[in-house]
N, C-alpha and C. Protein backbone atom coordinates (compact mmCIF):
# COMPACT_ATOMS: atom_id res chain seq x y z
N MET A 1 -125.66 -65.19 113.00
CA MET A 1 -124.69 -66.16 112.53
C MET A 1 -124.06 -66.90 113.71
N LEU A 2 -123.81 -66.17 114.79
CA LEU A 2 -123.22 -66.80 115.98
C LEU A 2 -124.19 -67.82 116.58
N MET A 3 -125.46 -67.44 116.62
CA MET A 3 -126.48 -68.34 117.17
C MET A 3 -126.57 -69.62 116.34
N GLN A 4 -126.49 -69.47 115.02
CA GLN A 4 -126.56 -70.63 114.14
C GLN A 4 -125.37 -71.56 114.36
N ASN A 5 -124.19 -71.00 114.57
CA ASN A 5 -123.00 -71.82 114.82
C ASN A 5 -123.10 -72.56 116.15
N ILE A 6 -123.63 -71.90 117.16
CA ILE A 6 -123.78 -72.54 118.47
C ILE A 6 -124.76 -73.71 118.38
N VAL A 7 -125.89 -73.48 117.71
CA VAL A 7 -126.89 -74.55 117.57
C VAL A 7 -126.33 -75.69 116.71
N LEU A 8 -125.53 -75.35 115.71
CA LEU A 8 -124.94 -76.39 114.86
C LEU A 8 -123.97 -77.27 115.64
N VAL A 9 -123.14 -76.67 116.47
CA VAL A 9 -122.20 -77.45 117.30
C VAL A 9 -122.98 -78.33 118.27
N LEU A 10 -124.01 -77.79 118.88
CA LEU A 10 -124.85 -78.57 119.79
C LEU A 10 -125.52 -79.73 119.05
N HIS A 11 -125.97 -79.46 117.83
CA HIS A 11 -126.62 -80.47 117.00
C HIS A 11 -125.67 -81.63 116.70
N VAL A 12 -124.43 -81.33 116.37
CA VAL A 12 -123.44 -82.37 116.07
C VAL A 12 -123.12 -83.19 117.32
N ILE A 13 -123.00 -82.51 118.45
CA ILE A 13 -122.71 -83.22 119.71
C ILE A 13 -123.86 -84.17 120.05
N ILE A 14 -125.09 -83.70 119.90
CA ILE A 14 -126.25 -84.55 120.18
C ILE A 14 -126.29 -85.73 119.22
N ALA A 15 -125.97 -85.49 117.95
CA ALA A 15 -125.98 -86.58 116.96
C ALA A 15 -124.96 -87.66 117.31
N VAL A 16 -123.77 -87.25 117.70
CA VAL A 16 -122.73 -88.23 118.06
C VAL A 16 -123.15 -89.00 119.32
N ALA A 17 -123.70 -88.31 120.30
CA ALA A 17 -124.15 -88.98 121.53
C ALA A 17 -125.30 -89.94 121.24
N LEU A 18 -126.19 -89.56 120.34
CA LEU A 18 -127.31 -90.42 119.98
C LEU A 18 -126.82 -91.70 119.28
N ILE A 19 -125.85 -91.55 118.41
CA ILE A 19 -125.27 -92.72 117.73
C ILE A 19 -124.60 -93.64 118.75
N ALA A 20 -123.86 -93.06 119.67
CA ALA A 20 -123.18 -93.87 120.69
C ALA A 20 -124.18 -94.61 121.57
N LEU A 21 -125.26 -93.95 121.96
CA LEU A 21 -126.26 -94.61 122.81
C LEU A 21 -126.98 -95.73 122.08
N VAL A 22 -127.26 -95.54 120.83
CA VAL A 22 -127.92 -96.60 120.07
C VAL A 22 -127.00 -97.81 119.94
N LEU A 23 -125.71 -97.56 119.73
CA LEU A 23 -124.77 -98.67 119.61
C LEU A 23 -124.53 -99.38 120.95
N LEU A 24 -124.71 -98.68 122.07
CA LEU A 24 -124.52 -99.30 123.38
C LEU A 24 -125.68 -100.21 123.78
N GLN A 25 -126.83 -99.99 123.22
CA GLN A 25 -128.01 -100.76 123.62
C GLN A 25 -127.93 -102.19 123.11
N GLN A 26 -128.47 -103.09 123.91
CA GLN A 26 -128.50 -104.50 123.53
C GLN A 26 -129.72 -104.75 122.64
N GLY A 27 -129.60 -105.79 121.83
CA GLY A 27 -130.73 -106.16 121.00
C GLY A 27 -131.81 -106.85 121.81
N LYS A 28 -132.95 -107.11 121.20
CA LYS A 28 -134.06 -107.75 121.90
C LYS A 28 -133.73 -109.20 122.29
N GLY A 29 -132.90 -109.87 121.52
CA GLY A 29 -132.57 -111.26 121.80
C GLY A 29 -131.62 -111.43 122.96
N ALA A 30 -130.96 -110.37 123.40
CA ALA A 30 -130.01 -110.47 124.50
C ALA A 30 -130.70 -110.65 125.84
N ASP A 31 -131.97 -110.27 125.95
CA ASP A 31 -132.70 -110.41 127.21
C ASP A 31 -132.98 -111.87 127.55
N ALA A 32 -133.11 -112.72 126.57
CA ALA A 32 -133.40 -114.13 126.82
C ALA A 32 -132.22 -114.80 127.53
N GLY A 33 -131.01 -114.48 127.14
CA GLY A 33 -129.83 -115.05 127.79
C GLY A 33 -129.68 -114.54 129.21
N ALA A 34 -130.06 -113.30 129.47
CA ALA A 34 -129.95 -112.73 130.81
C ALA A 34 -130.96 -113.36 131.77
N ALA A 35 -132.07 -113.82 131.25
CA ALA A 35 -133.10 -114.43 132.10
C ALA A 35 -132.62 -115.76 132.68
N PHE A 36 -131.71 -116.43 132.00
CA PHE A 36 -131.21 -117.72 132.46
C PHE A 36 -129.88 -117.60 133.18
N GLY A 37 -129.54 -116.41 133.65
CA GLY A 37 -128.34 -116.23 134.44
C GLY A 37 -127.08 -116.17 133.61
N ALA A 38 -127.10 -115.42 132.55
CA ALA A 38 -125.93 -115.33 131.67
C ALA A 38 -124.96 -114.26 132.13
N GLY A 39 -124.91 -113.98 133.41
CA GLY A 39 -123.94 -113.03 133.94
C GLY A 39 -124.40 -111.59 133.90
N ALA A 40 -125.67 -111.34 133.73
CA ALA A 40 -126.17 -109.98 133.66
C ALA A 40 -126.18 -109.30 135.03
N SER A 41 -126.11 -110.06 136.10
CA SER A 41 -126.15 -109.46 137.42
C SER A 41 -124.87 -108.71 137.75
N GLY A 42 -123.80 -108.98 137.03
CA GLY A 42 -122.54 -108.32 137.30
C GLY A 42 -122.31 -107.08 136.44
N THR A 43 -123.35 -106.56 135.81
CA THR A 43 -123.18 -105.40 134.94
C THR A 43 -123.19 -104.12 135.75
N VAL A 44 -122.84 -103.03 135.11
CA VAL A 44 -122.78 -101.72 135.77
C VAL A 44 -124.17 -101.25 136.20
N PHE A 45 -125.19 -101.56 135.38
CA PHE A 45 -126.53 -101.04 135.66
C PHE A 45 -127.38 -101.98 136.50
N GLY A 46 -126.84 -103.10 136.98
CA GLY A 46 -127.59 -104.03 137.82
C GLY A 46 -128.17 -105.17 137.04
N SER A 47 -128.94 -106.02 137.75
CA SER A 47 -129.47 -107.23 137.11
C SER A 47 -130.58 -106.93 136.12
N LYS A 48 -131.27 -105.83 136.33
CA LYS A 48 -132.35 -105.48 135.39
C LYS A 48 -131.76 -105.05 134.05
N GLY A 49 -130.56 -104.58 134.06
CA GLY A 49 -129.93 -104.15 132.81
C GLY A 49 -130.05 -102.65 132.63
N SER A 50 -129.57 -102.20 131.51
CA SER A 50 -129.52 -100.77 131.26
C SER A 50 -130.62 -100.30 130.32
N SER A 51 -131.58 -101.15 130.07
CA SER A 51 -132.57 -100.82 129.04
C SER A 51 -133.37 -99.57 129.38
N SER A 52 -133.83 -99.42 130.61
CA SER A 52 -134.66 -98.26 130.92
C SER A 52 -133.84 -96.96 130.87
N PHE A 53 -132.63 -96.98 131.41
CA PHE A 53 -131.79 -95.78 131.40
C PHE A 53 -131.41 -95.39 129.97
N LEU A 54 -130.91 -96.36 129.21
CA LEU A 54 -130.49 -96.04 127.84
C LEU A 54 -131.66 -95.67 126.95
N THR A 55 -132.79 -96.33 127.13
CA THR A 55 -133.96 -96.03 126.31
C THR A 55 -134.46 -94.62 126.60
N ARG A 56 -134.51 -94.27 127.89
CA ARG A 56 -134.98 -92.94 128.27
C ARG A 56 -134.02 -91.86 127.75
N THR A 57 -132.73 -92.10 127.90
CA THR A 57 -131.73 -91.14 127.45
C THR A 57 -131.75 -90.99 125.92
N THR A 58 -131.95 -92.10 125.22
CA THR A 58 -132.03 -92.06 123.76
C THR A 58 -133.24 -91.25 123.32
N GLY A 59 -134.34 -91.42 124.01
CA GLY A 59 -135.55 -90.65 123.69
C GLY A 59 -135.34 -89.15 123.90
N LEU A 60 -134.68 -88.80 125.01
CA LEU A 60 -134.42 -87.38 125.28
C LEU A 60 -133.47 -86.78 124.23
N LEU A 61 -132.44 -87.55 123.87
CA LEU A 61 -131.51 -87.06 122.86
C LEU A 61 -132.17 -86.95 121.48
N ALA A 62 -133.07 -87.88 121.18
CA ALA A 62 -133.79 -87.81 119.91
C ALA A 62 -134.67 -86.57 119.86
N ALA A 63 -135.33 -86.24 120.97
CA ALA A 63 -136.15 -85.03 121.02
C ALA A 63 -135.29 -83.78 120.89
N ALA A 64 -134.12 -83.78 121.53
CA ALA A 64 -133.21 -82.64 121.43
C ALA A 64 -132.67 -82.50 120.00
N PHE A 65 -132.39 -83.63 119.35
CA PHE A 65 -131.92 -83.61 117.96
C PHE A 65 -132.99 -83.04 117.05
N PHE A 66 -134.23 -83.43 117.27
CA PHE A 66 -135.35 -82.91 116.49
C PHE A 66 -135.49 -81.40 116.70
N ALA A 67 -135.37 -80.95 117.94
CA ALA A 67 -135.51 -79.52 118.25
C ALA A 67 -134.38 -78.70 117.61
N THR A 68 -133.15 -79.21 117.67
CA THR A 68 -132.05 -78.47 117.06
C THR A 68 -132.15 -78.47 115.53
N SER A 69 -132.71 -79.53 114.97
CA SER A 69 -132.92 -79.56 113.52
C SER A 69 -133.90 -78.48 113.10
N LEU A 70 -135.00 -78.36 113.82
CA LEU A 70 -135.98 -77.32 113.50
C LEU A 70 -135.41 -75.92 113.73
N THR A 71 -134.62 -75.76 114.78
CA THR A 71 -134.00 -74.46 115.05
C THR A 71 -133.03 -74.07 113.94
N LEU A 72 -132.25 -75.03 113.47
CA LEU A 72 -131.33 -74.74 112.37
C LEU A 72 -132.10 -74.39 111.10
N PHE A 73 -133.23 -75.04 110.87
CA PHE A 73 -134.05 -74.72 109.71
C PHE A 73 -134.56 -73.29 109.78
N VAL A 74 -135.06 -72.89 110.94
CA VAL A 74 -135.58 -71.53 111.10
C VAL A 74 -134.47 -70.50 110.94
N LEU A 75 -133.32 -70.77 111.53
CA LEU A 75 -132.21 -69.83 111.43
C LEU A 75 -131.68 -69.73 110.00
N ALA A 76 -131.72 -70.81 109.26
CA ALA A 76 -131.20 -70.80 107.89
C ALA A 76 -132.14 -70.10 106.92
N THR A 77 -133.43 -70.11 107.20
CA THR A 77 -134.39 -69.52 106.27
C THR A 77 -134.71 -68.06 106.56
N GLU A 78 -134.11 -67.49 107.58
CA GLU A 78 -134.33 -66.07 107.85
C GLU A 78 -133.79 -65.25 106.68
N THR A 79 -134.55 -64.23 106.30
CA THR A 79 -134.09 -63.39 105.19
C THR A 79 -133.00 -62.47 105.69
N LYS A 80 -131.93 -62.44 104.95
CA LYS A 80 -130.79 -61.61 105.31
C LYS A 80 -130.52 -60.65 104.17
N THR A 81 -130.10 -59.44 104.50
CA THR A 81 -129.80 -58.45 103.46
C THR A 81 -128.35 -58.54 103.01
N VAL A 82 -127.58 -59.37 103.65
CA VAL A 82 -126.18 -59.50 103.28
C VAL A 82 -126.09 -60.28 101.97
N THR A 83 -125.40 -59.70 100.99
CA THR A 83 -125.19 -60.38 99.72
C THR A 83 -123.70 -60.53 99.50
N SER A 84 -123.36 -61.16 98.42
CA SER A 84 -121.94 -61.37 98.15
C SER A 84 -121.29 -60.07 97.70
N VAL A 85 -120.00 -60.01 97.77
CA VAL A 85 -119.23 -58.83 97.37
C VAL A 85 -119.42 -58.56 95.88
N VAL A 86 -119.50 -59.61 95.09
CA VAL A 86 -119.68 -59.45 93.65
C VAL A 86 -121.03 -58.80 93.36
N ASP A 87 -122.09 -59.24 94.04
CA ASP A 87 -123.41 -58.64 93.84
C ASP A 87 -123.42 -57.17 94.25
N GLN A 88 -122.76 -56.84 95.35
CA GLN A 88 -122.71 -55.45 95.80
C GLN A 88 -121.95 -54.59 94.80
N GLU A 89 -120.87 -55.12 94.24
CA GLU A 89 -120.07 -54.37 93.27
C GLU A 89 -120.85 -54.14 91.98
N GLN A 90 -121.58 -55.14 91.51
CA GLN A 90 -122.38 -54.99 90.30
C GLN A 90 -123.50 -53.98 90.51
N ALA A 91 -124.12 -53.99 91.67
CA ALA A 91 -125.18 -53.03 91.96
C ALA A 91 -124.63 -51.61 92.02
N ALA A 92 -123.43 -51.46 92.58
CA ALA A 92 -122.82 -50.13 92.66
C ALA A 92 -122.46 -49.62 91.26
N GLN A 93 -121.99 -50.48 90.39
CA GLN A 93 -121.65 -50.07 89.03
C GLN A 93 -122.89 -49.68 88.25
N LYS A 94 -123.99 -50.36 88.44
CA LYS A 94 -125.23 -50.02 87.75
C LYS A 94 -125.76 -48.66 88.20
N GLN A 95 -125.59 -48.35 89.48
CA GLN A 95 -126.06 -47.08 89.99
C GLN A 95 -125.17 -45.93 89.54
N GLU A 96 -123.87 -46.19 89.37
CA GLU A 96 -122.94 -45.13 88.97
C GLU A 96 -123.09 -44.76 87.51
N THR A 97 -123.45 -45.68 86.64
CA THR A 97 -123.53 -45.43 85.21
C THR A 97 -124.96 -45.62 84.73
N PRO A 98 -125.73 -44.52 84.64
CA PRO A 98 -127.08 -44.65 84.11
C PRO A 98 -127.03 -44.95 82.60
N ALA A 99 -128.08 -45.51 82.08
CA ALA A 99 -128.11 -45.91 80.67
C ALA A 99 -128.03 -44.71 79.73
N SER A 100 -128.49 -43.53 80.15
CA SER A 100 -128.45 -42.35 79.28
C SER A 100 -127.03 -41.80 79.11
N ASP A 101 -126.13 -42.12 80.03
CA ASP A 101 -124.76 -41.63 79.95
C ASP A 101 -123.84 -42.51 79.10
N ILE A 102 -124.32 -43.67 78.69
CA ILE A 102 -123.48 -44.57 77.90
C ILE A 102 -123.41 -44.02 76.47
N PRO A 103 -122.20 -43.76 75.94
CA PRO A 103 -122.09 -43.22 74.58
C PRO A 103 -122.52 -44.26 73.55
N ASN A 104 -123.10 -43.75 72.45
CA ASN A 104 -123.51 -44.65 71.38
C ASN A 104 -122.28 -45.13 70.63
N ALA A 105 -122.18 -46.39 70.45
CA ALA A 105 -121.05 -46.96 69.74
C ALA A 105 -121.40 -47.07 68.26
N ASP A 106 -120.39 -47.11 67.41
CA ASP A 106 -120.62 -47.26 65.97
C ASP A 106 -120.83 -48.74 65.67
N VAL A 107 -122.02 -49.20 65.96
CA VAL A 107 -122.36 -50.58 65.76
C VAL A 107 -123.25 -50.66 64.53
N PRO A 108 -122.90 -51.48 63.55
CA PRO A 108 -123.76 -51.58 62.36
C PRO A 108 -125.10 -52.18 62.73
N VAL A 109 -126.13 -51.65 62.12
CA VAL A 109 -127.48 -52.13 62.38
C VAL A 109 -127.84 -53.12 61.28
N ALA A 110 -128.35 -54.25 61.65
CA ALA A 110 -128.73 -55.26 60.67
C ALA A 110 -129.99 -54.83 59.94
N GLU A 111 -130.04 -55.11 58.64
CA GLU A 111 -131.22 -54.77 57.86
C GLU A 111 -132.33 -55.76 58.18
N PRO A 112 -133.56 -55.31 58.17
CA PRO A 112 -134.66 -56.23 58.45
C PRO A 112 -134.78 -57.26 57.32
N LYS A 113 -135.19 -58.46 57.67
CA LYS A 113 -135.33 -59.53 56.68
C LYS A 113 -136.53 -59.24 55.78
N LYS A 114 -136.38 -59.61 54.53
CA LYS A 114 -137.46 -59.41 53.57
C LYS A 114 -138.46 -60.55 53.69
N SER A 115 -139.69 -60.23 53.42
CA SER A 115 -140.71 -61.26 53.47
C SER A 115 -140.61 -62.14 52.23
N VAL A 116 -141.38 -63.20 52.17
CA VAL A 116 -141.34 -64.15 51.06
C VAL A 116 -141.80 -63.47 49.77
N LYS A 117 -142.80 -62.59 49.83
CA LYS A 117 -143.31 -61.91 48.64
C LYS A 117 -142.26 -60.97 48.06
N GLU A 118 -141.54 -60.28 48.94
CA GLU A 118 -140.50 -59.36 48.46
C GLU A 118 -139.36 -60.12 47.82
N LYS A 119 -139.01 -61.27 48.37
CA LYS A 119 -137.92 -62.07 47.83
C LYS A 119 -138.29 -62.61 46.45
N SER A 120 -139.53 -63.05 46.28
CA SER A 120 -139.92 -63.64 45.01
C SER A 120 -139.98 -62.60 43.90
N SER A 121 -140.30 -61.35 44.21
CA SER A 121 -140.40 -60.33 43.17
C SER A 121 -139.02 -59.88 42.71
N THR A 122 -138.01 -59.98 43.54
CA THR A 122 -136.66 -59.56 43.15
C THR A 122 -135.79 -60.72 42.76
N SER A 123 -136.37 -61.89 42.59
CA SER A 123 -135.59 -63.07 42.27
C SER A 123 -135.14 -63.07 40.83
N ASP A 124 -134.00 -63.70 40.54
CA ASP A 124 -133.48 -63.81 39.18
C ASP A 124 -134.15 -64.93 38.41
N VAL A 125 -134.87 -65.78 39.08
CA VAL A 125 -135.53 -66.90 38.42
C VAL A 125 -136.89 -66.42 37.90
N PRO A 126 -137.16 -66.68 36.61
CA PRO A 126 -138.44 -66.24 36.06
C PRO A 126 -139.60 -67.02 36.67
N ALA A 127 -140.70 -66.39 36.80
CA ALA A 127 -141.88 -67.02 37.38
C ALA A 127 -142.46 -68.01 36.40
N ALA A 128 -143.01 -69.09 36.91
CA ALA A 128 -143.61 -70.12 36.06
C ALA A 128 -144.96 -69.64 35.56
N ASP A 129 -145.23 -69.88 34.26
CA ASP A 129 -146.53 -69.44 33.69
C ASP A 129 -147.59 -70.47 33.85
């Protein structure tokens, strides 16, 4: 359970970082303005821009997100013997009271239904000739 929580926190952090990196990237049309001297030389990442750094980092984060997703899947599908408290209590009650120890209650037993032939012979309506 601890391992699953650690991977889950890492998964959320990677997801938030991946969203932030995608939003930081420029669209394809922004490169045309930079080619004509639209002030791209004064950016933090230089005149070439940040495309290679952000693209590479986004790819690495996407791979890490994929890996943590698969890890969470494997951790979630492991068979565990831990059940709920209600299930444990019901199982304990079934083991404590075997069916042979249950006293017979005075429950009326329903009579079996009569077949169609039996009903017609005891009917008050005379048979048609």
